[in-house]
Amino acid sequence: MTEELIIAGFGGQGVLLTGKLLCVAAMRQGKQVSHIPSYGAEMRGGTANCSVVISDEEIASPVIEKPSIVIALNGPS
């Protein structure tokens, strides 16, 4: 089973932390994970995105084209 997640929001909303926590939890269950954070130069209020792939098998590519889950923390996301 493979889950592909995109988490998006403004900086300061916990987007990157959520992605990291999901990865740590999945690794503790013995899953393969990929985590790609993306954020702007602003300290708070800028865009923040995170791509997470969790799989039972080895992950060939961390690029997500059709996510199975999207967590959007604000309207623009």
PDB file of N, CA and C in Angstrom:
ATOM      1  N   MET A   1       0.837  -1.174   0.000  1.00  0.00           N
ATOM      2  CA  MET A   1       0.000   0.000   0.000  1.00  0.00           C
ATOM      3  C   MET A   1       0.887   1.244   0.000  1.00  0.00           C
ATOM      4  N   THR A   2       0.540   2.203  -0.823  1.00  0.00           N
ATOM      5  CA  THR A   2       1.273   3.463  -0.888  1.00  0.00           C
ATOM      6  C   THR A   2       0.304   4.617  -0.703  1.00  0.00           C
ATOM      7  N   GLU A   3       0.645   5.514   0.193  1.00  0.00           N
ATOM      8  CA  GLU A   3      -0.132   6.741   0.404  1.00  0.00           C
ATOM      9  C   GLU A   3       0.730   7.922  -0.005  1.00  0.00           C
ATOM     10  N   GLU A   4       0.175   8.795  -0.825  1.00  0.00           N
ATOM     11  CA  GLU A   4       0.870  10.007  -1.244  1.00  0.00           C
ATOM     12  C   GLU A   4       0.099  11.203  -0.714  1.00  0.00           C
ATOM     13  N   LEU A   5       0.754  12.014   0.104  1.00  0.00           N
ATOM     14  CA  LEU A   5       0.101  13.140   0.762  1.00  0.00           C
ATOM     15  C   LEU A   5       0.745  14.454   0.355  1.00  0.00           C
ATOM     16  N   ILE A   6      -0.083  15.464   0.213  1.00  0.00           N
ATOM     17  CA  ILE A   6       0.398  16.834   0.073  1.00  0.00           C
ATOM     18  C   ILE A   6      -0.246  17.638   1.191  1.00  0.00           C
ATOM     19  N   ILE A   7       0.590  18.332   1.938  1.00  0.00           N
ATOM     20  CA  ILE A   7       0.122  19.190   3.025  1.00  0.00           C
ATOM     21  C   ILE A   7       0.493  20.614   2.633  1.00  0.00           C
ATOM     22  N   ALA A   8      -0.471  21.524   2.659  1.00  0.00           N
ATOM     23  CA  ALA A   8      -0.215  22.889   2.209  1.00  0.00           C
ATOM     24  C   ALA A   8      -0.854  23.894   3.151  1.00  0.00           C
ATOM     25  N   GLY A   9      -0.203  25.036   3.287  1.00  0.00           N
ATOM     26  CA  GLY A   9      -0.738  26.102   4.127  1.00  0.00           C
ATOM     27  C   GLY A   9       0.224  27.267   4.185  1.00  0.00           C
ATOM     28  N   PHE A  10       0.012  28.138   5.144  1.00  0.00           N
ATOM     29  CA  PHE A  10       0.906  29.260   5.379  1.00  0.00           C
ATOM     30  C   PHE A  10       1.980  28.841   6.376  1.00  0.00           C
ATOM     31  N   GLY A  11       3.112  29.514   6.331  1.00  0.00           N
ATOM     32  CA  GLY A  11       4.157  29.274   7.312  1.00  0.00           C
ATOM     33  C   GLY A  11       3.640  29.560   8.713  1.00  0.00           C
ATOM     34  N   GLY A  12       4.001  28.732   9.662  1.00  0.00           N
ATOM     35  CA  GLY A  12       3.557  28.902  11.038  1.00  0.00           C
ATOM     36  C   GLY A  12       2.340  28.071  11.390  1.00  0.00           C
ATOM     37  N   GLN A  13       1.728  27.407  10.399  1.00  0.00           N
ATOM     38  CA  GLN A  13       0.549  26.583  10.670  1.00  0.00           C
ATOM     39  C   GLN A  13       0.904  25.141  11.020  1.00  0.00           C
ATOM     40  N   GLY A  14       2.159  24.788  10.949  1.00  0.00           N
ATOM     41  CA  GLY A  14       2.566  23.431  11.286  1.00  0.00           C
ATOM     42  C   GLY A  14       2.608  22.475  10.114  1.00  0.00           C
ATOM     43  N   VAL A  15       2.671  23.003   8.908  1.00  0.00           N
ATOM     44  CA  VAL A  15       2.698  22.165   7.707  1.00  0.00           C
ATOM     45  C   VAL A  15       3.918  21.240   7.717  1.00  0.00           C
ATOM     46  N   LEU A  16       5.095  21.817   7.917  1.00  0.00           N
ATOM     47  CA  LEU A  16       6.322  21.022   7.879  1.00  0.00           C
ATOM     48  C   LEU A  16       6.404  20.065   9.061  1.00  0.00           C
ATOM     49  N   LEU A  17       5.962  20.509  10.226  1.00  0.00           N
ATOM     50  CA  LEU A  17       5.957  19.645  11.404  1.00  0.00           C
ATOM     51  C   LEU A  17       5.022  18.454  11.193  1.00  0.00           C
ATOM     52  N   THR A  18       3.858  18.693  10.626  1.00  0.00           N
ATOM     53  CA  THR A  18       2.909  17.612  10.360  1.00  0.00           C
ATOM     54  C   THR A  18       3.520  16.568   9.436  1.00  0.00           C
ATOM     55  N   GLY A  19       4.174  17.027   8.377  1.00  0.00           N
ATOM     56  CA  GLY A  19       4.829  16.100   7.456  1.00  0.00           C
ATOM     57  C   GLY A  19       5.905  15.283   8.138  1.00  0.00           C
ATOM     58  N   LYS A  20       6.697  15.946   8.959  1.00  0.00           N
ATOM     59  CA  LYS A  20       7.782  15.250   9.662  1.00  0.00           C
ATOM     60  C   LYS A  20       7.226  14.228  10.656  1.00  0.00           C
ATOM     61  N   LEU A  21       6.177  14.605  11.381  1.00  0.00           N
ATOM     62  CA  LEU A  21       5.573  13.682  12.347  1.00  0.00           C
ATOM     63  C   LEU A  21       4.971  12.457  11.658  1.00  0.00           C
ATOM     64  N   LEU A  22       4.337  12.666  10.510  1.00  0.00           N
ATOM     65  CA  LEU A  22       3.795  11.533   9.753  1.00  0.00           C
ATOM     66  C   LEU A  22       4.911  10.582   9.330  1.00  0.00           C
ATOM     67  N   CYS A  23       6.030  11.144   8.897  1.00  0.00           N
ATOM     68  CA  CYS A  23       7.165  10.315   8.480  1.00  0.00           C
ATOM     69  C   CYS A  23       7.740   9.523   9.647  1.00  0.00           C
ATOM     70  N   VAL A  24       7.916  10.173  10.775  1.00  0.00           N
ATOM     71  CA  VAL A  24       8.473   9.488  11.948  1.00  0.00           C
ATOM     72  C   VAL A  24       7.544   8.360  12.396  1.00  0.00           C
ATOM     73  N   ALA A  25       6.247   8.633  12.425  1.00  0.00           N
ATOM     74  CA  ALA A  25       5.284   7.602  12.835  1.00  0.00           C
ATOM     75  C   ALA A  25       5.313   6.416  11.873  1.00  0.00           C
ATOM     76  N   ALA A  26       5.391   6.700  10.577  1.00  0.00           N
ATOM     77  CA  ALA A  26       5.425   5.623   9.583  1.00  0.00           C
ATOM     78  C   ALA A  26       6.722   4.820   9.682  1.00  0.00           C
ATOM     79  N   MET A  27       7.842   5.504   9.899  1.00  0.00           N
ATOM     80  CA  MET A  27       9.123   4.793  10.042  1.00  0.00           C
ATOM     81  C   MET A  27       9.107   3.874  11.256  1.00  0.00           C
ATOM     82  N   ARG A  28       8.484   4.316  12.324  1.00  0.00           N
ATOM     83  CA  ARG A  28       8.401   3.481  13.533  1.00  0.00           C
ATOM     84  C   ARG A  28       7.560   2.231  13.302  1.00  0.00           C
ATOM     85  N   GLN A  29       6.693   2.284  12.291  1.00  0.00           N
ATOM     86  CA  GLN A  29       5.892   1.112  11.931  1.00  0.00           C
ATOM     87  C   GLN A  29       6.577   0.268  10.860  1.00  0.00           C
ATOM     88  N   GLY A  30       7.799   0.636  10.501  1.00  0.00           N
ATOM     89  CA  GLY A  30       8.558  -0.137   9.526  1.00  0.00           C
ATOM     90  C   GLY A  30       8.265   0.200   8.078  1.00  0.00           C
ATOM     91  N   LYS A  31       7.629   1.324   7.826  1.00  0.00           N
ATOM     92  CA  LYS A  31       7.298   1.735   6.456  1.00  0.00           C
ATOM     93  C   LYS A  31       8.468   2.481   5.817  1.00  0.00           C
ATOM     94  N   GLN A  32       8.449   2.555   4.499  1.00  0.00           N
ATOM     95  CA  GLN A  32       9.378   3.384   3.737  1.00  0.00           C
ATOM     96  C   GLN A  32       8.751   4.765   3.605  1.00  0.00           C
ATOM     97  N   VAL A  33       9.546   5.826   3.740  1.00  0.00           N
ATOM     98  CA  VAL A  33       8.988   7.176   3.664  1.00  0.00           C
ATOM     99  C   VAL A  33       9.853   8.088   2.807  1.00  0.00           C
ATOM    100  N   SER A  34       9.200   9.093   2.253  1.00  0.00           N
ATOM    101  CA  SER A  34       9.874  10.170   1.534  1.00  0.00           C
ATOM    102  C   SER A  34       9.228  11.470   1.989  1.00  0.00           C
ATOM    103  N   HIS A  35      10.055  12.480   2.250  1.00  0.00           N
ATOM    104  CA  HIS A  35       9.565  13.752   2.785  1.00  0.00           C
ATOM    105  C   HIS A  35      10.249  14.881   2.031  1.00  0.00           C
ATOM    106  N   ILE A  36       9.460  15.720   1.358  1.00  0.00           N
ATOM    107  CA  ILE A  36      10.028  16.861   0.637  1.00  0.00           C
ATOM    108  C   ILE A  36       9.342  18.136   1.122  1.00  0.00           C
ATOM    109  N   PRO A  37      10.006  18.908   1.980  1.00  0.00           N
ATOM    110  CA  PRO A  37       9.433  20.180   2.418  1.00  0.00           C
ATOM    111  C   PRO A  37       9.721  21.280   1.392  1.00  0.00           C
ATOM    112  N   SER A  38       8.830  22.246   1.319  1.00  0.00           N
ATOM    113  CA  SER A  38       9.011  23.387   0.424  1.00  0.00           C
ATOM    114  C   SER A  38       8.401  24.609   1.098  1.00  0.00           C
ATOM    115  N   TYR A  39       9.191  25.666   1.202  1.00  0.00           N
ATOM    116  CA  TYR A  39       8.681  26.860   1.880  1.00  0.00           C
ATOM    117  C   TYR A  39       9.370  28.100   1.330  1.00  0.00           C
ATOM    118  N   GLY A  40       8.719  29.239   1.526  1.00  0.00           N
ATOM    119  CA  GLY A  40       9.261  30.507   1.067  1.00  0.00           C
ATOM    120  C   GLY A  40      10.272  31.075   2.047  1.00  0.00           C
ATOM    121  N   ALA A  41      10.795  32.231   1.720  1.00  0.00           N
ATOM    122  CA  ALA A  41      11.831  32.862   2.543  1.00  0.00           C
ATOM    123  C   ALA A  41      11.268  33.551   3.785  1.00  0.00           C
ATOM    124  N   GLU A  42       9.963  33.773   3.827  1.00  0.00           N
ATOM    125  CA  GLU A  42       9.363  34.472   4.956  1.00  0.00           C
ATOM    126  C   GLU A  42       9.425  33.614   6.217  1.00  0.00           C
ATOM    127  N   MET A  43       9.503  34.276   7.365  1.00  0.00           N
ATOM    128  CA  MET A  43       9.506  33.548   8.637  1.00  0.00           C
ATOM    129  C   MET A  43       8.120  32.981   8.938  1.00  0.00           C
ATOM    130  N   ARG A  44       7.100  33.802   8.762  1.00  0.00           N
ATOM    131  CA  ARG A  44       5.717  33.364   8.978  1.00  0.00           C
ATOM    132  C   ARG A  44       4.838  33.990   7.905  1.00  0.00           C
ATOM    133  N   GLY A  45       3.792  33.283   7.541  1.00  0.00           N
ATOM    134  CA  GLY A  45       2.833  33.830   6.598  1.00  0.00           C
ATOM    135  C   GLY A  45       3.110  33.513   5.144  1.00  0.00           C
ATOM    136  N   GLY A  46       4.305  33.057   4.810  1.00  0.00           N
ATOM    137  CA  GLY A  46       4.601  32.662   3.433  1.00  0.00           C
ATOM    138  C   GLY A  46       4.033  31.281   3.148  1.00  0.00           C
ATOM    139  N   THR A  47       4.167  30.841   1.926  1.00  0.00           N
ATOM    140  CA  THR A  47       3.645  29.520   1.581  1.00  0.00           C
ATOM    141  C   THR A  47       4.514  28.418   2.177  1.00  0.00           C
ATOM    142  N   ALA A  48       3.874  27.338   2.531  1.00  0.00           N
ATOM    143  CA  ALA A  48       4.576  26.158   3.032  1.00  0.00           C
ATOM    144  C   ALA A  48       3.861  24.926   2.487  1.00  0.00           C
ATOM    145  N   ASN A  49       4.623  24.039   1.886  1.00  0.00           N
ATOM    146  CA  ASN A  49       4.078  22.801   1.335  1.00  0.00           C
ATOM    147  C   ASN A  49       4.973  21.646   1.740  1.00  0.00           C
ATOM    148  N   CYS A  50       4.393  20.483   1.791  1.00  0.00           N
ATOM    149  CA  CYS A  50       5.156  19.303   2.154  1.00  0.00           C
ATOM    150  C   CYS A  50       4.571  18.108   1.400  1.00  0.00           C
ATOM    151  N   SER A  51       5.438  17.359   0.747  1.00  0.00           N
ATOM    152  CA  SER A  51       5.026  16.132   0.065  1.00  0.00           C
ATOM    153  C   SER A  51       5.549  14.947   0.865  1.00  0.00           C
ATOM    154  N   VAL A  52       4.665  14.015   1.159  1.00  0.00           N
ATOM    155  CA  VAL A  52       5.036  12.833   1.941  1.00  0.00           C
ATOM    156  C   VAL A  52       4.536  11.593   1.206  1.00  0.00           C
ATOM    157  N   VAL A  53       5.417  10.618   1.057  1.00  0.00           N
ATOM    158  CA  VAL A  53       5.036   9.321   0.494  1.00  0.00           C
ATOM    159  C   VAL A  53       5.333   8.269   1.555  1.00  0.00           C
ATOM    160  N   ILE A  54       4.345   7.441   1.846  1.00  0.00           N
ATOM    161  CA  ILE A  54       4.484   6.353   2.813  1.00  0.00           C
ATOM    162  C   ILE A  54       4.127   5.063   2.091  1.00  0.00           C
ATOM    163  N   SER A  55       5.034   4.082   2.170  1.00  0.00           N
ATOM    164  CA  SER A  55       4.809   2.855   1.411  1.00  0.00           C
ATOM    165  C   SER A  55       5.343   1.639   2.155  1.00  0.00           C
ATOM    166  N   ASP A  56       4.754   0.488   1.843  1.00  0.00           N
ATOM    167  CA  ASP A  56       5.265  -0.784   2.354  1.00  0.00           C
ATOM    168  C   ASP A  56       6.501  -1.215   1.572  1.00  0.00           C
ATOM    169  N   GLU A  57       6.617  -0.734   0.340  1.00  0.00           N
ATOM    170  CA  GLU A  57       7.716  -1.112  -0.545  1.00  0.00           C
ATOM    171  C   GLU A  57       8.662   0.067  -0.736  1.00  0.00           C
ATOM    172  N   GLU A  58       9.789  -0.192  -1.352  1.00  0.00           N
ATOM    173  CA  GLU A  58      10.752   0.865  -1.638  1.00  0.00           C
ATOM    174  C   GLU A  58      10.115   1.919  -2.543  1.00  0.00           C
ATOM    175  N   ILE A  59      10.406   3.178  -2.277  1.00  0.00           N
ATOM    176  CA  ILE A  59       9.828   4.290  -3.036  1.00  0.00           C
ATOM    177  C   ILE A  59      10.767   4.627  -4.185  1.00  0.00           C
ATOM    178  N   ALA A  60      10.278   4.467  -5.411  1.00  0.00           N
ATOM    179  CA  ALA A  60      11.112   4.711  -6.589  1.00  0.00           C
ATOM    180  C   ALA A  60      11.286   6.205  -6.856  1.00  0.00           C
ATOM    181  N   SER A  61      10.214   6.975  -6.682  1.00  0.00           N
ATOM    182  CA  SER A  61      10.273   8.411  -6.943  1.00  0.00           C
ATOM    183  C   SER A  61       9.442   9.149  -5.901  1.00  0.00           C
ATOM    184  N   PRO A  62       9.996  10.205  -5.308  1.00  0.00           N
ATOM    185  CA  PRO A  62       9.242  10.957  -4.306  1.00  0.00           C
ATOM    186  C   PRO A  62       8.285  11.988  -4.910  1.00  0.00           C
ATOM    187  N   VAL A  63       8.262  12.100  -6.229  1.00  0.00           N
ATOM    188  CA  VAL A  63       7.407  13.088  -6.891  1.00  0.00           C
ATOM    189  C   VAL A  63       5.962  12.600  -6.865  1.00  0.00           C
ATOM    190  N   ILE A  64       5.061  13.494  -6.456  1.00  0.00           N
ATOM    191  CA  ILE A  64       3.637  13.150  -6.354  1.00  0.00           C
ATOM    192  C   ILE A  64       2.874  13.840  -7.477  1.00  0.00           C
ATOM    193  N   GLU A  65       2.214  13.040  -8.320  1.00  0.00           N
ATOM    194  CA  GLU A  65       1.399  13.600  -9.396  1.00  0.00           C
ATOM    195  C   GLU A  65      -0.085  13.594  -9.041  1.00  0.00           C
ATOM    196  N   LYS A  66      -0.548  12.513  -8.421  1.00  0.00           N
ATOM    197  CA  LYS A  66      -1.951  12.395  -8.012  1.00  0.00           C
ATOM    198  C   LYS A  66      -1.986  11.952  -6.552  1.00  0.00           C
ATOM    199  N   PRO A  67      -2.043  12.913  -5.631  1.00  0.00           N
ATOM    200  CA  PRO A  67      -2.017  12.538  -4.210  1.00  0.00           C
ATOM    201  C   PRO A  67      -3.276  11.785  -3.794  1.00  0.00           C
ATOM    202  N   SER A  68      -3.101  10.846  -2.879  1.00  0.00           N
ATOM    203  CA  SER A  68      -4.257  10.136  -2.335  1.00  0.00           C
ATOM    204  C   SER A  68      -4.895  10.935  -1.205  1.00  0.00           C
ATOM    205  N   ILE A  69      -4.110  11.826  -0.584  1.00  0.00           N
ATOM    206  CA  ILE A  69      -4.615  12.670   0.502  1.00  0.00           C
ATOM    207  C   ILE A  69      -4.061  14.083   0.329  1.00  0.00           C
ATOM    208  N   VAL A  70      -4.933  15.079   0.467  1.00  0.00           N
ATOM    209  CA  VAL A  70      -4.512  16.485   0.461  1.00  0.00           C
ATOM    210  C   VAL A  70      -5.011  17.127   1.745  1.00  0.00           C
ATOM    211  N   ILE A  71      -4.103  17.762   2.459  1.00  0.00           N
ATOM    212  CA  ILE A  71      -4.464  18.503   3.663  1.00  0.00           C
ATOM    213  C   ILE A  71      -4.169  19.972   3.371  1.00  0.00           C
ATOM    214  N   ALA A  72      -5.212  20.756   3.158  1.00  0.00           N
ATOM    215  CA  ALA A  72      -5.065  22.184   2.857  1.00  0.00           C
ATOM    216  C   ALA A  72      -5.507  22.975   4.084  1.00  0.00           C
ATOM    217  N   LEU A  73      -4.583  23.725   4.658  1.00  0.00           N
ATOM    218  CA  LEU A  73      -4.863  24.439   5.901  1.00  0.00           C
ATOM    219  C   LEU A  73      -5.380  25.856   5.691  1.00  0.00           C
ATOM    220  N   ASN A  74      -5.482  26.283   4.435  1.00  0.00           N
ATOM    221  CA  ASN A  74      -6.048  27.602   4.156  1.00  0.00           C
ATOM    222  C   ASN A  74      -6.646  27.614   2.751  1.00  0.00           C
ATOM    223  N   GLY A  75      -7.397  28.639   2.448  1.00  0.00           N
ATOM    224  CA  GLY A  75      -8.079  28.744   1.162  1.00  0.00           C
ATOM    225  C   GLY A  75      -7.159  28.767  -0.046  1.00  0.00           C
ATOM    226  N   PRO A  76      -6.116  29.603  -0.058  1.00  0.00           N
ATOM    227  CA  PRO A  76      -5.237  29.662  -1.227  1.00  0.00           C
ATOM    228  C   PRO A  76      -4.520  28.346  -1.543  1.00  0.00           C
ATOM    229  N   SER A  77      -4.353  27.518  -0.551  1.00  0.00           N
ATOM    230  CA  SER A  77      -3.649  26.249  -0.788  1.00  0.00           C
ATOM    231  C   SER A  77      -4.474  25.337  -1.666  1.00  0.00           C
TER     232      SER A  77
END
